[in-house]
């Protein structure tokens, strides 16, 4: 990952994803582009003449400048090449516009206004519209070891294949790669196997062509949510990264009924690389 696009914002996971971006750049001799987007599309109920919005705008810009000064001061001593892009507009749209010449976009799971409640709609927009994978980093991450074990969540879908392909540069650095399939048990045996469009052996063959050996494991579904099952399996193997395809169903279906991607983003327990 030579070209790393880092989303800069005031959310609680900002420092965590900065550290992950720095570790990734050091390990891959990469370059970090810090993208800070500030939206002036502010609405305040009852502010019919826009006076409150006009008063808030200088404060918004001042806070953005303070964050930039703080982060640039930290990065100056890290020995990692970086540049800064300040944009007016909605963060998701600006990240999508900047992504075609990036190798990966690094974001947090929640938006500042959400105060850590629920998955970020911005992440969903970028994952489904950007041509590169999105690495979602939860709050509390202190470092990122690209040489540690990594896990790929495999369900035979085109989305999981896209995620596998996008993650190859990182998987190639890992000491051990695991392809994990969560299967549901029925009276006749694991029903999930027959429904795979692309069997896990095809994923393993693809990795082997890139010189990446992997282990294929089947994990019983059990009572837990699939997202929790995958996180538990990855933590058991001391993985630093979980790779998975995102939004196999439509985003509307995910939002209304829930889904693996939504649950994964609601309470991520480690960095998750997503691709659609």
Protein backbone atom coordinates (compact mmCIF):
# COMPACT_ATOMS: atom_id res chain seq x y z
CA UNK A 1 0.00 0.00 0.00
CA UNK A 2 2.09 2.88 -1.30
CA UNK A 3 -0.61 5.54 -1.47
CA UNK A 4 -2.61 5.77 1.76
CA UNK A 5 -5.60 8.12 1.98
CA UNK A 6 -6.31 9.01 5.62
CA UNK A 7 -9.59 10.62 6.66
CA UNK A 8 -8.95 13.37 9.20
CA UNK A 9 -11.77 14.36 11.55
CA UNK A 10 -12.55 15.05 15.22
CA UNK A 11 -13.99 11.59 16.00
CA UNK A 12 -12.73 9.44 18.85
CA UNK A 13 -10.87 7.01 16.56
CA UNK A 14 -8.73 9.69 14.88
CA UNK A 15 -5.55 8.99 16.82
CA UNK A 16 -6.01 5.23 16.40
CA UNK A 17 -6.23 5.36 12.62
CA UNK A 18 -3.35 7.84 12.45
CA UNK A 19 -1.12 5.32 14.25
CA UNK A 20 -2.31 2.51 11.96
CA UNK A 21 -1.63 4.64 8.88
CA UNK A 22 1.87 5.46 10.12
CA UNK A 23 2.71 1.81 10.83
CA UNK A 24 1.38 0.75 7.44
CA UNK A 25 3.34 3.46 5.64
CA UNK A 26 6.55 2.52 7.44
CA UNK A 27 6.11 -1.16 6.60
CA UNK A 28 5.32 -0.59 2.92
CA UNK A 29 7.43 2.53 2.29
CA UNK A 30 4.16 4.30 1.62
CA UNK A 31 2.97 7.90 1.49
CA UNK A 32 0.05 9.27 3.54
CA UNK A 33 -2.36 11.83 2.14
CA UNK A 34 -4.31 13.40 4.99
CA UNK A 35 -7.70 14.54 3.72
CA UNK A 36 -9.63 16.93 5.95
CA UNK A 37 -13.08 17.89 4.72
CA UNK A 38 -15.13 20.62 6.37
CA UNK A 39 -18.76 21.05 5.43
CA UNK A 40 -20.39 24.46 5.64
CA UNK A 41 -23.75 22.90 4.92
CA UNK A 42 -24.94 23.55 8.46
CA UNK A 43 -28.59 23.70 9.52
CA UNK A 44 -29.85 25.02 12.83
CA UNK A 45 -33.58 24.78 13.65
CA UNK A 46 -35.18 28.20 14.01
CA UNK A 47 -32.26 30.03 12.42
CA UNK A 48 -34.35 31.48 9.59
CA UNK A 49 -31.91 34.23 8.68
CA UNK A 50 -28.73 32.18 8.97
CA UNK A 51 -27.19 34.35 11.68
CA UNK A 52 -26.36 31.42 13.96
CA UNK A 53 -24.80 29.50 11.07
CA UNK A 54 -22.73 32.54 10.08
CA UNK A 55 -21.44 32.80 13.64
CA UNK A 56 -20.61 29.08 13.75
CA UNK A 57 -18.59 28.94 10.54
CA UNK A 58 -15.46 30.72 11.86
CA UNK A 59 -15.49 28.38 14.87
CA UNK A 60 -15.73 25.34 12.60
CA UNK A 61 -12.76 26.53 10.55
CA UNK A 62 -10.76 27.41 13.66
CA UNK A 63 -11.29 23.93 15.11
CA UNK A 64 -10.26 22.38 11.80
CA UNK A 65 -7.06 24.45 11.76
CA UNK A 66 -6.24 23.39 15.32
CA UNK A 67 -6.65 19.72 14.44
CA UNK A 68 -4.43 20.11 11.39
CA UNK A 69 -1.71 21.85 13.42
CA UNK A 70 -1.81 19.11 16.06
CA UNK A 71 -1.62 16.21 13.61
CA UNK A 72 1.03 17.80 11.39
CA UNK A 73 3.20 18.41 14.46
CA UNK A 74 2.91 14.72 15.38
CA UNK A 75 3.69 13.50 11.87
CA UNK A 76 6.75 15.72 11.40
CA UNK A 77 8.75 13.44 13.72
CA UNK A 78 7.51 10.08 12.38
CA UNK A 79 9.78 9.82 9.34
CA UNK A 80 6.85 9.09 7.01
CA UNK A 81 6.23 11.20 3.88
CA UNK A 82 2.83 12.90 3.87
CA UNK A 83 0.85 15.72 2.37
CA UNK A 84 -2.29 17.53 3.46
CA UNK A 85 -5.47 18.19 1.51
CA UNK A 86 -8.04 20.56 2.97
CA UNK A 87 -11.40 20.46 1.21
CA UNK A 88 -14.76 22.12 1.69
CA UNK A 89 -17.65 19.70 1.35
CA UNK A 90 -19.04 16.41 2.64
CA UNK A 91 -16.24 14.09 3.79
CA UNK A 92 -17.54 10.98 2.04
CA UNK A 93 -17.79 12.67 -1.33
CA UNK A 94 -14.33 14.23 -1.04
CA UNK A 95 -12.80 10.87 -0.08
CA UNK A 96 -14.47 9.18 -3.04
CA UNK A 97 -13.15 11.88 -5.37
CA UNK A 98 -9.61 11.44 -4.05
CA UNK A 99 -9.66 7.62 -3.98
CA UNK A 100 -8.95 6.68 -7.64
CA UNK A 101 -5.21 7.24 -7.15
CA UNK A 102 -5.07 5.77 -3.65
CA UNK A 103 -4.37 2.15 -2.71
CA UNK A 104 -6.45 2.23 0.46
CA UNK A 105 -8.69 4.60 2.43
CA UNK A 106 -8.38 4.59 6.22
CA UNK A 107 -11.44 5.70 8.21
CA UNK A 108 -13.03 5.42 11.65
CA UNK A 109 -16.23 3.45 12.32
CA UNK A 110 -18.28 6.39 13.60
CA UNK A 111 -18.93 10.01 12.71
CA UNK A 112 -18.24 12.73 15.33
CA UNK A 113 -21.91 13.78 15.43
CA UNK A 114 -22.97 10.20 16.18
CA UNK A 115 -20.92 10.06 19.39
CA UNK A 116 -19.99 6.44 18.76
CA UNK A 117 -23.57 5.23 18.24
CA UNK A 118 -24.17 3.02 15.22
CA UNK A 119 -22.12 2.49 12.06
CA UNK A 120 -20.96 5.43 9.99
CA UNK A 121 -23.02 6.26 6.91
CA UNK A 122 -19.89 7.91 5.48
CA UNK A 123 -18.02 4.59 5.62
CA UNK A 124 -20.90 2.93 3.78
CA UNK A 125 -20.80 5.54 1.02
CA UNK A 126 -17.05 5.25 0.53
CA UNK A 127 -17.01 1.43 0.62
CA UNK A 128 -19.71 1.13 -2.03
CA UNK A 129 -18.52 3.94 -4.32
CA UNK A 130 -14.72 4.13 -4.05
CA UNK A 131 -12.64 1.88 -6.34
CA UNK A 132 -10.26 0.92 -3.49
CA UNK A 133 -10.66 -0.94 -0.18
CA UNK A 134 -11.53 0.86 3.04
CA UNK A 135 -9.73 0.04 6.28
CA UNK A 136 -11.96 0.78 9.29
CA UNK A 137 -9.94 1.33 12.46
CA UNK A 138 -11.69 1.27 15.86
CA UNK A 139 -10.87 3.50 18.78
CA UNK A 140 -8.04 2.37 21.03
CA UNK A 141 -5.66 0.93 18.43
CA UNK A 142 -2.07 1.78 19.36
CA UNK A 143 -0.28 0.10 16.45
CA UNK A 144 -0.70 -2.13 13.41
CA UNK A 145 1.55 -5.11 12.74
CA UNK A 146 1.49 -6.01 9.04
CA UNK A 147 3.50 -9.14 9.80
CA UNK A 148 0.94 -10.57 12.23
CA UNK A 149 -1.61 -13.26 11.24
CA UNK A 150 -4.58 -12.03 9.17
CA UNK A 151 -7.99 -13.51 8.48
CA UNK A 152 -10.20 -13.32 5.38
CA UNK A 153 -13.93 -13.85 5.88
CA UNK A 154 -15.02 -15.98 2.93
CA UNK A 155 -18.61 -16.67 1.88
CA UNK A 156 -18.06 -17.35 -1.81
CA UNK A 157 -19.56 -14.04 -2.93
CA UNK A 158 -18.17 -11.60 -5.46
CA UNK A 159 -17.76 -9.09 -2.60
CA UNK A 160 -15.55 -11.45 -0.60
CA UNK A 161 -13.47 -12.11 -3.73
CA UNK A 162 -13.06 -8.36 -4.30
CA UNK A 163 -11.94 -7.92 -0.69
CA UNK A 164 -9.46 -10.79 -0.97
CA UNK A 165 -7.94 -9.33 -4.14
CA UNK A 166 -7.75 -5.83 -2.66
CA UNK A 167 -6.02 -7.11 0.47
CA UNK A 168 -3.21 -8.99 -1.33
CA UNK A 169 -0.51 -6.34 -0.63
CA UNK A 170 -1.20 -6.64 3.10
CA UNK A 171 -1.76 -10.40 3.13
CA UNK A 172 1.62 -10.85 1.44
CA UNK A 173 3.25 -9.32 4.55
CA UNK A 174 1.43 -11.60 7.00
CA UNK A 175 3.11 -14.54 8.68
CA UNK A 176 -0.11 -16.58 8.37
CA UNK A 177 -3.32 -16.08 6.40
CA UNK A 178 -6.57 -17.86 7.23
CA UNK A 179 -9.63 -18.13 4.98
CA UNK A 180 -12.57 -18.52 7.35
CA UNK A 181 -15.99 -19.76 6.28
CA UNK A 182 -18.89 -19.52 8.73
CA UNK A 183 -21.26 -22.40 8.02
CA UNK A 184 -24.70 -23.12 9.39
CA UNK A 185 -25.40 -26.62 10.61
CA UNK A 186 -28.61 -28.38 9.60
CA UNK A 187 -29.83 -31.92 10.08
CA UNK A 188 -28.19 -32.86 6.79
CA UNK A 189 -24.87 -31.18 7.50
CA UNK A 190 -23.34 -27.76 6.85
CA UNK A 191 -25.85 -26.12 4.52
CA UNK A 192 -23.62 -23.15 3.79
CA UNK A 193 -21.11 -25.09 1.71
CA UNK A 194 -23.35 -25.81 -1.26
CA UNK A 195 -24.45 -22.20 -1.60
CA UNK A 196 -20.96 -20.81 -2.14
CA UNK A 197 -20.66 -19.34 -5.63
CA UNK A 198 -16.88 -19.46 -5.31
CA UNK A 199 -15.55 -22.17 -2.98
CA UNK A 200 -12.83 -21.26 -0.54
CA UNK A 201 -10.41 -23.46 -2.48
CA UNK A 202 -10.63 -20.97 -5.35
CA UNK A 203 -9.67 -18.17 -2.98
CA UNK A 204 -6.74 -20.24 -1.74
CA UNK A 205 -5.60 -20.89 -5.32
CA UNK A 206 -5.72 -17.18 -6.07
CA UNK A 207 -3.54 -16.40 -3.06
CA UNK A 208 -1.13 -19.20 -3.96
CA UNK A 209 -0.57 -17.61 -7.37
CA UNK A 210 0.59 -14.52 -5.48
CA UNK A 211 2.92 -16.61 -3.32
CA UNK A 212 0.65 -16.43 -0.26
CA UNK A 213 -0.10 -19.75 1.44
CA UNK A 214 -3.26 -19.92 3.54
CA UNK A 215 -5.22 -22.20 5.81
CA UNK A 216 -8.92 -22.83 5.15
CA UNK A 217 -11.11 -23.23 8.23
CA UNK A 218 -14.84 -23.80 8.63
CA UNK A 219 -16.44 -22.23 11.68
CA UNK A 220 -19.88 -23.38 12.91
CA UNK A 221 -22.40 -20.53 13.01
CA UNK A 222 -23.62 -21.29 16.52
CA UNK A 223 -25.83 -18.87 18.45
CA UNK A 224 -23.70 -15.74 18.04
CA UNK A 225 -23.96 -13.18 15.27
CA UNK A 226 -21.69 -13.90 12.30
CA UNK A 227 -19.73 -10.69 12.96
CA UNK A 228 -19.02 -11.75 16.56
CA UNK A 229 -18.10 -15.26 15.42
CA UNK A 230 -15.57 -13.87 12.94
CA UNK A 231 -14.08 -11.45 15.47
CA UNK A 232 -13.71 -14.26 18.03
CA UNK A 233 -12.02 -16.53 15.49
CA UNK A 234 -9.64 -13.76 14.42
CA UNK A 235 -8.75 -12.85 18.00
CA UNK A 236 -8.17 -16.51 18.85
CA UNK A 237 -5.57 -16.60 16.06
CA UNK A 238 -4.04 -13.27 17.21
CA UNK A 239 -4.86 -11.60 13.91
CA UNK A 240 -4.13 -7.93 13.32
CA UNK A 241 -6.64 -7.62 10.46
CA UNK A 242 -9.97 -9.02 9.34
CA UNK A 243 -10.75 -8.82 5.61
CA UNK A 244 -14.31 -9.12 4.34
CA UNK A 245 -16.62 -8.23 1.50
CA UNK A 246 -19.12 -5.49 2.33
CA UNK A 247 -22.83 -5.12 1.65
CA UNK A 248 -23.60 -8.39 -0.06
CA UNK A 249 -27.22 -7.25 0.22
CA UNK A 250 -28.31 -3.73 -0.69
CA UNK A 251 -27.39 -1.03 1.82
CA UNK A 252 -31.09 -0.35 2.39
CA UNK A 253 -31.63 -3.97 3.37
CA UNK A 254 -28.62 -3.82 5.68
CA UNK A 255 -29.91 -0.65 7.36
CA UNK A 256 -33.47 -1.89 7.81
CA UNK A 257 -32.92 -5.54 8.65
CA UNK A 258 -29.34 -5.52 9.84
CA UNK A 259 -26.54 -7.52 8.31
CA UNK A 260 -22.99 -8.74 8.82
CA UNK A 261 -21.47 -5.49 7.53
CA UNK A 262 -23.67 -3.35 9.76
CA UNK A 263 -22.91 -5.43 12.85
CA UNK A 264 -19.22 -5.45 11.95
CA UNK A 265 -19.11 -1.65 11.80
CA UNK A 266 -21.26 -1.10 14.90
CA UNK A 267 -18.67 -2.52 17.31
CA UNK A 268 -15.46 -3.39 15.45
CA UNK A 269 -13.00 -5.19 17.67
CA UNK A 270 -10.00 -4.86 15.34
CA UNK A 271 -9.11 -3.18 12.02
CA UNK A 272 -11.45 -4.42 9.28
CA UNK A 273 -10.64 -4.12 5.58
CA UNK A 274 -13.81 -3.80 3.52
CA UNK A 275 -14.40 -3.94 -0.23
CA UNK A 276 -17.56 -4.02 -2.28
